[in-house]
Amino acid sequence: MTAAAPQPVVVLVRPQLGENIGKAARAMLNFGLEDMRLVSPRDGWPNPDAGPAASGADVVLARAQLFDSVADAIADCHYVYATTVRKRGLTKPVVTPEVAAREMRARPGRSAWLFGPERSGLETDDVACAQAILTVPVNPQFGSLNLAQAVILAAYEWSKSADRTVSIIDNYEGPASQASLEGLIDQVDGALDAAGYYHVPSRVASSKRTLRNLLTRPAWSEKEVRTLRGIVHALVEGRRGSRPMPE
């Protein structure tokens, strides 16, 4: 059967200037996108500088949601692209906005783009939350897109791919949500901690980041995540007697 993919989510991670949030909202609405999510904006929210810069895209600002963390902002999403032009030491697929748009149209679940702060971009831990990296092939001698420009490039490619249709396999539950992945990551992390895996204090942070990167890279389905959680539960608790598996 044929189904339309839901609109992608635009997540601005620790944006600095209200004016830039407004310009990003203007870029979004030009291509019909209205779901903006803000993670810990530097100057708080609402911001009086956002409205004038939005140039009439007030509906986007009015509906913008505020979150304390990237994980919370993308909890209901099923595939996430982190926008960055720098290598982060993480092994993830790297795609252009055009390729990402085609992929997003081909998935039944909700996708999201992560955009970092204006000055420094996304941190490595932010990128680790995503399944793929989105990079614009700009001039290697001058890669200097501002926040609104990055948003408009991604939104334009999404809009341009609107005539594509999606074939959904019958009985496919759909991709796992980020909230489901967080449950799996927390379960595996807890099991490893209990087993003494994190025995070198100086490497705990990098080991946890690698674990997150490993588990977010595949496009797991909800059934696959449930299966993996059942496997971890059986390995940890199977010989201790029957206990209910954590949600």
Protein backbone atom coordinates (compact mmCIF):
# COMPACT_ATOMS: atom_id res chain seq x y z
CA MET A 1 0.00 0.00 0.00
CA THR A 2 1.07 3.63 -0.28
CA ALA A 3 1.53 6.05 2.60
CA ALA A 4 2.89 9.55 3.02
CA ALA A 5 5.80 10.06 5.41
CA PRO A 6 5.08 12.49 8.25
CA GLN A 7 6.72 15.90 8.21
CA PRO A 8 10.25 15.91 9.61
CA VAL A 9 11.10 17.67 12.85
CA VAL A 10 13.59 20.54 13.01
CA VAL A 11 15.55 20.40 16.28
CA LEU A 12 17.70 23.41 17.14
CA VAL A 13 20.20 22.31 19.75
CA ARG A 14 21.31 25.08 22.13
CA PRO A 15 20.61 27.92 19.66
CA GLN A 16 22.17 31.19 20.72
CA LEU A 17 20.26 34.09 19.20
CA GLY A 18 16.50 34.53 19.14
CA GLU A 19 16.90 36.22 15.77
CA ASN A 20 18.38 33.04 14.31
CA ILE A 21 15.54 30.94 15.70
CA GLY A 22 13.12 33.28 13.93
CA LYS A 23 15.03 33.03 10.66
CA ALA A 24 15.03 29.23 10.93
CA ALA A 25 11.24 29.32 11.44
CA ARG A 26 10.90 31.47 8.32
CA ALA A 27 12.98 28.96 6.34
CA MET A 28 10.84 26.08 7.59
CA LEU A 29 7.45 27.59 6.78
CA ASN A 30 8.53 28.44 3.24
CA PHE A 31 8.49 24.69 2.65
CA GLY A 32 5.50 23.80 4.81
CA LEU A 33 7.33 22.62 7.93
CA GLU A 34 5.97 23.65 11.30
CA ASP A 35 7.43 21.27 13.92
CA MET A 36 10.30 23.14 15.58
CA ARG A 37 11.87 21.90 18.80
CA LEU A 38 14.36 23.85 20.88
CA VAL A 39 16.92 22.25 23.19
CA SER A 40 18.17 24.60 25.92
CA PRO A 41 18.28 27.87 23.94
CA ARG A 42 20.98 30.11 25.41
CA ASP A 43 18.77 33.15 25.93
CA GLY A 44 15.67 31.25 27.02
CA TRP A 45 12.29 30.88 25.35
CA PRO A 46 10.12 32.69 24.27
CA ASN A 47 12.59 35.22 22.88
CA PRO A 48 11.38 38.67 21.73
CA ASP A 49 13.94 38.78 18.92
CA ALA A 50 12.52 35.69 17.21
CA GLY A 51 9.20 37.17 16.05
CA PRO A 52 10.48 40.02 13.86
CA ALA A 53 13.09 37.77 12.26
CA ALA A 54 10.46 35.15 11.43
CA SER A 55 8.78 37.59 9.01
CA GLY A 56 5.30 36.14 9.51
CA ALA A 57 6.20 32.55 10.33
CA ASP A 58 4.53 33.03 13.70
CA VAL A 59 2.76 29.67 13.62
CA VAL A 60 6.11 27.89 13.80
CA LEU A 61 7.25 29.95 16.79
CA ALA A 62 3.91 29.56 18.55
CA ARG A 63 4.09 25.78 18.25
CA ALA A 64 7.80 25.48 19.08
CA GLN A 65 8.45 23.04 21.90
CA LEU A 66 11.14 23.43 24.54
CA PHE A 67 13.28 20.53 25.80
CA ASP A 68 16.15 20.06 28.22
CA SER A 69 18.01 17.41 26.21
CA VAL A 70 18.41 16.08 22.68
CA ALA A 71 17.15 12.68 23.80
CA ASP A 72 13.88 14.20 25.03
CA ALA A 73 13.45 16.29 21.88
CA ILE A 74 13.70 13.30 19.55
CA ALA A 75 12.01 10.67 21.73
CA ASP A 76 9.05 10.23 19.34
CA CYS A 77 11.21 10.23 16.20
CA HIS A 78 12.34 7.11 14.38
CA TYR A 79 15.34 8.29 12.36
CA VAL A 80 17.58 11.25 13.11
CA TYR A 81 20.13 13.12 11.00
CA ALA A 82 22.82 15.20 12.71
CA THR A 83 23.97 18.13 10.59
CA THR A 84 27.71 18.72 10.79
CA VAL A 85 30.62 19.46 8.47
CA ARG A 86 33.31 18.11 10.82
CA LYS A 87 34.43 14.56 11.44
CA ARG A 88 33.51 13.44 14.92
CA GLY A 89 35.26 10.08 15.22
CA LEU A 90 31.91 8.30 14.90
CA THR A 91 31.15 5.68 12.26
CA LYS A 92 27.83 6.71 10.72
CA PRO A 93 26.47 7.00 7.19
CA VAL A 94 27.11 10.45 5.72
CA VAL A 95 24.49 11.78 3.28
CA THR A 96 23.55 14.99 1.48
CA PRO A 97 20.24 16.80 2.09
CA GLU A 98 18.89 15.37 -1.18
CA VAL A 99 19.68 11.77 -0.21
CA ALA A 100 18.30 12.33 3.29
CA ALA A 101 15.03 13.66 1.87
CA ARG A 102 14.59 10.55 -0.29
CA GLU A 103 15.32 8.31 2.67
CA MET A 104 12.87 10.19 4.88
CA ARG A 105 10.12 9.89 2.28
CA ALA A 106 10.78 6.14 2.12
CA ARG A 107 10.28 5.57 5.85
CA PRO A 108 6.89 5.37 7.59
CA GLY A 109 8.16 6.85 10.86
CA ARG A 110 8.94 10.45 11.77
CA SER A 111 12.43 11.74 11.01
CA ALA A 112 14.32 14.67 12.49
CA TRP A 113 17.23 16.95 11.68
CA LEU A 114 19.55 18.14 14.46
CA PHE A 115 21.10 21.58 13.99
CA GLY A 116 23.76 22.76 16.42
CA PRO A 117 24.60 26.12 17.99
CA GLU A 118 25.61 28.90 15.62
CA ARG A 119 29.16 29.26 16.87
CA SER A 120 30.30 25.68 17.45
CA GLY A 121 27.80 23.28 15.90
CA LEU A 122 26.73 19.98 17.39
CA GLU A 123 28.89 18.27 20.01
CA THR A 124 30.02 14.68 19.57
CA ASP A 125 27.49 13.45 22.14
CA ASP A 126 24.70 15.14 20.15
CA VAL A 127 25.83 13.45 16.94
CA ALA A 128 25.94 10.09 18.75
CA CYS A 129 22.15 10.33 19.21
CA ALA A 130 21.59 10.24 15.44
CA GLN A 131 21.55 7.39 12.96
CA ALA A 132 23.26 9.35 10.18
CA ILE A 133 25.20 12.53 9.49
CA LEU A 134 23.87 15.11 7.03
CA THR A 135 26.51 17.25 5.35
CA VAL A 136 26.12 19.86 2.63
CA PRO A 137 28.85 19.59 -0.03
CA VAL A 138 30.02 23.20 0.27
CA ASN A 139 33.25 24.77 -0.94
CA PRO A 140 36.02 22.98 1.01
CA GLN A 141 37.91 26.28 1.16
CA PHE A 142 34.95 28.12 2.70
CA GLY A 143 32.33 26.14 4.58
CA SER A 144 30.35 28.81 6.41
CA LEU A 145 26.59 28.23 6.31
CA ASN A 146 24.55 29.99 8.96
CA LEU A 147 21.75 28.25 10.87
CA ALA A 148 18.86 29.42 8.68
CA GLN A 149 20.74 28.53 5.50
CA ALA A 150 21.35 24.99 6.74
CA VAL A 151 17.68 24.62 7.68
CA ILE A 152 16.44 25.94 4.34
CA LEU A 153 18.65 23.57 2.35
CA ALA A 154 17.30 20.55 4.21
CA ALA A 155 13.70 21.81 4.04
CA TYR A 156 13.96 22.55 0.32
CA GLU A 157 15.14 19.04 -0.49
CA TRP A 158 12.28 17.61 1.59
CA SER A 159 9.78 19.74 -0.32
CA LYS A 160 11.33 18.88 -3.68
CA SER A 161 10.92 15.15 -3.04
CA ALA A 162 7.17 15.48 -2.31
CA ASP A 163 6.10 13.70 -5.51
CA ARG A 164 7.71 10.46 -4.40
CA THR A 165 5.48 7.73 -3.00
CA VAL A 166 6.28 5.15 -0.36
CA SER A 167 5.58 1.45 -0.46
CA ILE A 168 5.03 -0.04 2.98
CA ILE A 169 5.47 -3.74 3.61
CA ASP A 170 2.36 -5.33 5.09
CA ASN A 171 2.65 -6.27 8.77
CA TYR A 172 5.72 -4.07 9.22
CA GLU A 173 5.40 -2.38 12.61
CA GLY A 174 7.54 0.55 11.59
CA PRO A 175 10.95 1.77 12.75
CA ALA A 176 11.75 1.98 16.43
CA SER A 177 11.24 5.35 18.08
CA GLN A 178 14.12 7.12 19.77
CA ALA A 179 12.37 6.49 23.09
CA SER A 180 12.53 2.74 22.43
CA LEU A 181 16.20 3.02 21.52
CA GLU A 182 16.86 4.97 24.72
CA GLY A 183 15.28 2.12 26.68
CA LEU A 184 17.56 -0.39 24.95
CA ILE A 185 20.65 1.78 25.48
CA ASP A 186 19.84 2.26 29.17
CA GLN A 187 19.26 -1.48 29.63
CA VAL A 188 22.53 -2.49 27.95
CA ASP A 189 24.40 0.28 29.78
CA GLY A 190 23.04 -0.89 33.13
CA ALA A 191 23.94 -4.50 32.40
CA LEU A 192 27.49 -3.55 31.41
CA ASP A 193 27.88 -1.38 34.50
CA ALA A 194 26.71 -4.20 36.77
CA ALA A 195 29.13 -6.59 35.07
CA GLY A 196 32.08 -4.26 35.70
CA TYR A 197 32.60 -3.42 32.06
CA TYR A 198 33.37 0.24 32.78
CA HIS A 199 36.44 -0.54 34.88
CA VAL A 200 38.70 2.21 33.53
CA PRO A 201 37.38 5.55 34.88
CA SER A 202 39.10 7.65 32.22
CA ARG A 203 37.37 5.72 29.43
CA VAL A 204 33.81 5.59 30.80
CA ALA A 205 32.52 8.57 28.79
CA SER A 206 34.03 7.42 25.49
CA SER A 207 32.84 3.83 26.06
CA LYS A 208 29.28 4.99 26.70
CA ARG A 209 29.41 7.21 23.61
CA THR A 210 30.62 4.28 21.51
CA LEU A 211 27.81 2.11 22.88
CA ARG A 212 25.23 4.74 21.95
CA ASN A 213 26.72 5.14 18.49
CA LEU A 214 26.68 1.38 17.96
CA LEU A 215 23.05 0.96 18.99
CA THR A 216 21.68 3.99 17.14
CA ARG A 217 23.39 3.29 13.81
CA PRO A 218 21.08 0.52 12.47
CA ALA A 219 17.50 1.37 11.52
CA TRP A 220 15.98 -1.02 14.07
CA SER A 221 12.28 -1.83 13.93
CA GLU A 222 10.21 -1.85 17.12
CA LYS A 223 10.12 -5.65 16.98
CA GLU A 224 13.91 -5.84 16.67
CA VAL A 225 14.39 -3.55 19.67
CA ARG A 226 11.99 -5.68 21.74
CA THR A 227 13.89 -8.78 20.67
CA LEU A 228 17.24 -7.27 21.63
CA ARG A 229 15.90 -6.19 25.00
CA GLY A 230 14.56 -9.68 25.56
CA ILE A 231 17.99 -11.13 24.74
CA VAL A 232 19.74 -8.79 27.18
CA HIS A 233 17.16 -9.56 29.85
CA ALA A 234 17.62 -13.31 29.35
CA LEU A 235 21.39 -13.03 29.55
CA VAL A 236 21.30 -10.94 32.72
CA GLU A 237 18.34 -12.41 34.60
CA GLY A 238 17.77 -15.84 33.06
CA ARG A 239 19.75 -17.73 35.66
CA ARG A 240 18.46 -15.69 38.58
CA GLY A 241 14.86 -16.76 38.21
CA SER A 242 11.99 -15.12 36.39
CA ARG A 243 11.73 -11.33 36.67
CA PRO A 244 9.64 -8.98 34.54
CA MET A 245 11.57 -7.29 31.74
CA PRO A 246 11.91 -3.50 32.20
CA GLU A 247 9.76 -1.27 30.00
